[in-house]
C-alpha cells in the first residue's frame, strides 16, 4: 500500500510522519485491498487541518478534520475514515446471500408441509 504524506504550507516533521505511518498500518489491517492513502496536513489561522483520501478496489473514501491540535486532528480524521471503511465492509458482507442456506430453508419448509398433508 502506498502512503503519501504532504503538508500544505507546512513542513511535516518526522514525529508527525511516524505517527501517521503507525495509524495507517491499522487501516491496512482492516482492509488489505487498500491501494493508497494520501494525507494532507495544513494550518490555517488557529486551526490544524488533516485531510485523508483512501483508495482501494471499488472504494474511494475522503475525510477532513479541523482541530486546535494537529495530533487530535489526525486522530479525528482516522476515526472518521475507520467508521466509513467499517460501514463499507459491513455492507459488502451483509449483502452477500448464501444460496445454500436459502435453498436449505426452502426445502425444510416444503418437507414440513408434505408431512402435515400426509397426516
Protein backbone atom coordinates (compact mmCIF):
# COMPACT_ATOMS: atom_id res chain seq x y z
CA UNK A 1 0.00 0.00 0.00
CA UNK A 2 1.22 3.45 -0.93
CA UNK A 3 1.14 6.13 1.79
CA UNK A 4 1.63 9.74 0.69
CA UNK A 5 2.04 12.36 3.41
CA UNK A 6 2.27 16.00 2.44
CA UNK A 7 1.89 19.41 4.01
CA UNK A 8 0.14 22.39 2.51
CA UNK A 9 2.18 25.42 3.58
CA UNK A 10 3.52 23.27 6.40
CA UNK A 11 6.64 21.16 6.95
CA UNK A 12 5.76 17.65 8.10
CA UNK A 13 8.07 16.66 10.96
CA UNK A 14 9.47 13.17 11.46
CA UNK A 15 7.29 12.74 14.54
CA UNK A 16 4.12 13.51 12.56
CA UNK A 17 5.29 11.29 9.72
CA UNK A 18 5.91 8.36 12.09
CA UNK A 19 2.59 8.89 13.86
CA UNK A 20 0.68 8.84 10.58
CA UNK A 21 2.53 5.73 9.35
CA UNK A 22 1.59 3.97 12.60
CA UNK A 23 -2.09 4.88 12.20
CA UNK A 24 -2.23 3.89 8.50
CA UNK A 25 -0.87 0.44 9.35
CA UNK A 26 -4.02 -0.15 11.41
CA UNK A 27 -6.23 0.79 8.45
CA UNK A 28 -4.32 -1.59 6.21
CA UNK A 29 -5.01 -4.44 8.63
CA UNK A 30 -8.72 -3.61 8.46
CA UNK A 31 -8.89 -3.95 4.66
CA UNK A 32 -5.92 -5.43 2.77
CA UNK A 33 -7.40 -4.30 -0.59
CA UNK A 34 -6.49 -0.66 0.06
CA UNK A 35 -4.10 0.63 -2.60
CA UNK A 36 -3.22 4.15 -1.49
CA UNK A 37 -3.70 6.59 1.34
CA UNK A 38 -2.99 10.28 0.88
CA UNK A 39 -2.74 12.53 3.96
CA UNK A 40 -2.62 16.31 3.56
CA UNK A 41 -1.82 18.41 6.64
CA UNK A 42 -2.29 22.17 6.75
CA UNK A 43 -2.50 25.06 9.18
CA UNK A 44 -4.94 27.95 8.70
CA UNK A 45 -5.33 30.68 11.31
CA UNK A 46 -5.69 28.78 14.58
CA UNK A 47 -6.88 25.50 13.04
CA UNK A 48 -4.82 22.40 12.32
CA UNK A 49 -6.42 20.60 9.39
CA UNK A 50 -5.93 16.96 8.37
CA UNK A 51 -7.42 15.57 5.17
CA UNK A 52 -7.30 11.92 4.11
CA UNK A 53 -8.12 10.27 0.82
CA UNK A 54 -8.23 6.46 0.75
CA UNK A 55 -8.40 4.44 -2.46
CA UNK A 56 -8.84 0.74 -2.91
CA UNK A 57 -10.59 -1.84 -5.02
CA UNK A 58 -14.03 -0.33 -5.77
CA UNK A 59 -13.50 2.16 -2.94
CA UNK A 60 -12.80 5.88 -2.53
CA UNK A 61 -13.17 7.48 0.89
CA UNK A 62 -12.48 11.06 1.97
CA UNK A 63 -12.45 12.74 5.37
CA UNK A 64 -11.42 16.09 6.80
CA UNK A 65 -10.95 17.28 10.36
CA UNK A 66 -10.18 20.69 11.88
CA UNK A 67 -8.96 20.91 15.48
CA UNK A 68 -6.78 23.04 17.75
CA UNK A 69 -4.05 20.36 17.87
CA UNK A 70 -2.53 18.55 14.87
CA UNK A 71 -2.40 15.16 16.61
CA UNK A 72 -6.06 15.49 17.67
CA UNK A 73 -6.96 16.40 14.10
CA UNK A 74 -5.10 13.33 12.77
CA UNK A 75 -6.85 11.09 15.32
CA UNK A 76 -10.23 12.52 14.40
CA UNK A 77 -9.76 12.05 10.65
CA UNK A 78 -8.57 8.46 11.17
CA UNK A 79 -11.64 7.71 13.30
CA UNK A 80 -13.91 9.13 10.61
CA UNK A 81 -12.24 7.02 7.93
CA UNK A 82 -12.29 3.93 10.11
CA UNK A 83 -16.08 4.32 10.53
CA UNK A 84 -16.54 4.82 6.79
CA UNK A 85 -14.39 1.79 5.98
CA UNK A 86 -16.16 -0.39 8.58
CA UNK A 87 -19.55 0.65 7.18
CA UNK A 88 -18.42 -0.17 3.64
CA UNK A 89 -17.10 -3.59 4.65
CA UNK A 90 -20.26 -4.38 6.64
CA UNK A 91 -22.39 -3.55 3.61
CA UNK A 92 -20.33 -5.91 1.47
CA UNK A 93 -20.69 -8.77 3.92
CA UNK A 94 -24.38 -8.16 4.70
CA UNK A 95 -25.49 -8.11 1.08
CA UNK A 96 -23.98 -11.43 0.18
CA UNK A 97 -26.58 -14.17 0.17
CA UNK A 98 -25.61 -17.73 1.00
CA UNK A 99 -27.53 -19.63 -1.67
CA UNK A 100 -27.15 -22.98 0.10
CA UNK A 101 -28.72 -21.61 3.29
CA UNK A 102 -31.63 -20.14 1.35
CA UNK A 103 -32.24 -23.42 -0.53
CA UNK A 104 -32.00 -25.48 2.67
CA UNK A 105 -34.56 -23.24 4.33
CA UNK A 106 -36.98 -23.66 1.42
CA UNK A 107 -36.54 -27.45 1.42
CA UNK A 108 -37.22 -27.62 5.17
CA UNK A 109 -40.49 -25.71 4.75
CA UNK A 110 -41.59 -27.97 1.88
CA UNK A 111 -40.83 -31.13 3.84
CA UNK A 112 -42.84 -29.95 6.87
CA UNK A 113 -45.76 -29.04 4.61
CA UNK A 114 -45.63 -32.51 2.99
CA UNK A 115 -45.60 -34.18 6.41
CA UNK A 116 -48.60 -32.12 7.54
CA UNK A 117 -50.60 -33.13 4.44
CA UNK A 118 -49.83 -36.85 4.87
CA UNK A 119 -51.18 -36.91 8.42
